[in-house]
Amino acid sequence: MIYGYIRINADRRTIAKFCKQNRIAVNKWTSKLPAALQQGDVVICSELPRFGNISAIADLLKICMGKGVDVWSVRDGYRLGEGLILGCFFYI
């Protein structure tokens, strides 16, 4: 499942533009990550600070990496995790 993590409308536009350019379909838009994240899921955010302070970001990444969930940050250009979805690579 591919989650688009949004906090404000600008996040949705940024993620949607990125996904359109890379032919990726967001399955669910959310402002709160579900507890049921599973291995192979991808969370796409506009930028990592949307998740909160540095401690919150570190905690989220620890949980996601432990579950095998990739976290992509569009503006930061980060692709964190081990999975390859659609063989897609992106450059900002």
C-alpha atoms as a PDB file:
ATOM      1  CA  MET A   1       0.000   0.000   0.000  1.00  0.00           C
ATOM      2  CA  ILE A   2       1.252   3.486  -0.785  1.00  0.00           C
ATOM      3  CA  TYR A   3       0.314   6.190   1.718  1.00  0.00           C
ATOM      4  CA  GLY A   4       0.472   9.891   0.967  1.00  0.00           C
ATOM      5  CA  TYR A   5       1.166  11.611   4.287  1.00  0.00           C
ATOM      6  CA  ILE A   6      -0.258  15.131   4.335  1.00  0.00           C
ATOM      7  CA  ARG A   7      -0.450  17.856   6.954  1.00  0.00           C
ATOM      8  CA  ILE A   8      -1.560  20.742   4.727  1.00  0.00           C
ATOM      9  CA  ASN A   9      -2.989  21.002   1.201  1.00  0.00           C
ATOM     10  CA  ALA A  10       0.403  22.027  -0.201  1.00  0.00           C
ATOM     11  CA  ASP A  11       1.745  18.622   0.887  1.00  0.00           C
ATOM     12  CA  ARG A  12      -0.904  16.872  -1.170  1.00  0.00           C
ATOM     13  CA  ARG A  13      -0.049  18.922  -4.261  1.00  0.00           C
ATOM     14  CA  THR A  14       3.689  18.259  -3.835  1.00  0.00           C
ATOM     15  CA  ILE A  15       3.197  14.515  -3.402  1.00  0.00           C
ATOM     16  CA  ALA A  16       0.628  14.299  -6.208  1.00  0.00           C
ATOM     17  CA  LYS A  17       2.995  16.069  -8.614  1.00  0.00           C
ATOM     18  CA  PHE A  18       5.840  13.733  -7.654  1.00  0.00           C
ATOM     19  CA  CYS A  19       3.633  10.660  -8.058  1.00  0.00           C
ATOM     20  CA  LYS A  20       2.336  11.805 -11.437  1.00  0.00           C
ATOM     21  CA  GLN A  21       5.894  12.384 -12.700  1.00  0.00           C
ATOM     22  CA  ASN A  22       6.941   8.922 -11.510  1.00  0.00           C
ATOM     23  CA  ARG A  23       3.734   7.062 -12.438  1.00  0.00           C
ATOM     24  CA  ILE A  24       2.945   6.079  -8.874  1.00  0.00           C
ATOM     25  CA  ALA A  25      -0.590   5.812  -7.509  1.00  0.00           C
ATOM     26  CA  VAL A  26      -1.262   6.759  -3.898  1.00  0.00           C
ATOM     27  CA  ASN A  27      -3.657   4.216  -2.383  1.00  0.00           C
ATOM     28  CA  LYS A  28      -4.566   6.269   0.675  1.00  0.00           C
ATOM     29  CA  TRP A  29      -4.106   9.883   1.758  1.00  0.00           C
ATOM     30  CA  THR A  30      -3.671  10.303   5.494  1.00  0.00           C
ATOM     31  CA  SER A  31      -2.620  12.795   8.142  1.00  0.00           C
ATOM     32  CA  LYS A  32      -2.059  10.031  10.691  1.00  0.00           C
ATOM     33  CA  LEU A  33      -0.102   6.908   9.942  1.00  0.00           C
ATOM     34  CA  PRO A  34      -2.051   3.715  10.536  1.00  0.00           C
ATOM     35  CA  ALA A  35      -0.837   1.238  13.114  1.00  0.00           C
ATOM     36  CA  ALA A  36      -1.362  -1.504  10.538  1.00  0.00           C
ATOM     37  CA  LEU A  37       1.648  -0.577   8.383  1.00  0.00           C
ATOM     38  CA  GLN A  38       3.061  -3.725   6.813  1.00  0.00           C
ATOM     39  CA  GLN A  39       6.259  -4.808   5.155  1.00  0.00           C
ATOM     40  CA  GLY A  40       6.388  -3.463   1.620  1.00  0.00           C
ATOM     41  CA  ASP A  41       4.232  -0.398   2.339  1.00  0.00           C
ATOM     42  CA  VAL A  42       5.537   3.004   1.303  1.00  0.00           C
ATOM     43  CA  VAL A  43       4.886   6.312   3.048  1.00  0.00           C
ATOM     44  CA  ILE A  44       5.476   9.350   0.854  1.00  0.00           C
ATOM     45  CA  CYS A  45       5.721  12.731   2.559  1.00  0.00           C
ATOM     46  CA  SER A  46       6.578  16.166   1.252  1.00  0.00           C
ATOM     47  CA  GLU A  47       9.423  16.516   3.785  1.00  0.00           C
ATOM     48  CA  LEU A  48      10.504  14.716   6.958  1.00  0.00           C
ATOM     49  CA  PRO A  49       9.806  17.618   9.380  1.00  0.00           C
ATOM     50  CA  ARG A  50       6.089  17.089   8.672  1.00  0.00           C
ATOM     51  CA  PHE A  51       6.292  14.172  11.122  1.00  0.00           C
ATOM     52  CA  GLY A  52       7.299  16.460  14.008  1.00  0.00           C
ATOM     53  CA  ASN A  53      10.495  17.207  15.897  1.00  0.00           C
ATOM     54  CA  ILE A  54      13.713  15.245  15.470  1.00  0.00           C
ATOM     55  CA  SER A  55      12.746  12.786  18.204  1.00  0.00           C
ATOM     56  CA  ALA A  56       9.369  12.071  16.588  1.00  0.00           C
ATOM     57  CA  ILE A  57      11.030  11.618  13.198  1.00  0.00           C
ATOM     58  CA  ALA A  58      13.595   9.201  14.656  1.00  0.00           C
ATOM     59  CA  ASP A  59      10.869   7.190  16.412  1.00  0.00           C
ATOM     60  CA  LEU A  60       8.761   7.015  13.251  1.00  0.00           C
ATOM     61  CA  LEU A  61      11.713   5.919  11.125  1.00  0.00           C
ATOM     62  CA  LYS A  62      12.682   3.262  13.675  1.00  0.00           C
ATOM     63  CA  ILE A  63       9.149   1.842  13.609  1.00  0.00           C
ATOM     64  CA  CYS A  64       8.914   1.957   9.812  1.00  0.00           C
ATOM     65  CA  MET A  65      12.332   0.409   9.221  1.00  0.00           C
ATOM     66  CA  GLY A  66      11.545  -2.302  11.790  1.00  0.00           C
ATOM     67  CA  LYS A  67       8.370  -3.192   9.885  1.00  0.00           C
ATOM     68  CA  GLY A  68      10.000  -3.024   6.447  1.00  0.00           C
ATOM     69  CA  VAL A  69       8.105   0.128   5.458  1.00  0.00           C
ATOM     70  CA  ASP A  70       9.846   2.574   3.109  1.00  0.00           C
ATOM     71  CA  VAL A  71       9.623   6.315   3.785  1.00  0.00           C
ATOM     72  CA  TRP A  72      10.119   8.671   0.861  1.00  0.00           C
ATOM     73  CA  SER A  73      10.554  12.398   1.317  1.00  0.00           C
ATOM     74  CA  VAL A  74       9.909  14.310  -1.898  1.00  0.00           C
ATOM     75  CA  ARG A  75      11.519  17.683  -1.124  1.00  0.00           C
ATOM     76  CA  ASP A  76      14.429  16.215   0.840  1.00  0.00           C
ATOM     77  CA  GLY A  77      15.115  13.646  -1.875  1.00  0.00           C
ATOM     78  CA  TYR A  78      15.328  10.792   0.657  1.00  0.00           C
ATOM     79  CA  ARG A  79      14.238   7.257  -0.025  1.00  0.00           C
ATOM     80  CA  LEU A  80      14.602   5.362   3.233  1.00  0.00           C
ATOM     81  CA  GLY A  81      14.135   1.617   3.387  1.00  0.00           C
ATOM     82  CA  GLU A  82      15.157  -1.507   1.581  1.00  0.00           C
ATOM     83  CA  GLY A  83      12.211  -2.193  -0.730  1.00  0.00           C
ATOM     84  CA  LEU A  84      12.065  -1.259  -4.379  1.00  0.00           C
ATOM     85  CA  ILE A  85       8.612  -0.279  -5.511  1.00  0.00           C
ATOM     86  CA  LEU A  86       8.059  -0.360  -9.254  1.00  0.00           C
ATOM     87  CA  GLY A  87      11.828  -0.105  -9.664  1.00  0.00           C
ATOM     88  CA  CYS A  88      11.381   3.663  -9.356  1.00  0.00           C
ATOM     89  CA  PHE A  89      14.199   6.059  -8.620  1.00  0.00           C
ATOM     90  CA  PHE A  90      13.721   9.772  -8.423  1.00  0.00           C
ATOM     91  CA  TYR A  91      15.852  12.862  -8.447  1.00  0.00           C
ATOM     92  CA  ILE A  92      14.878  16.256  -7.107  1.00  0.00           C
END
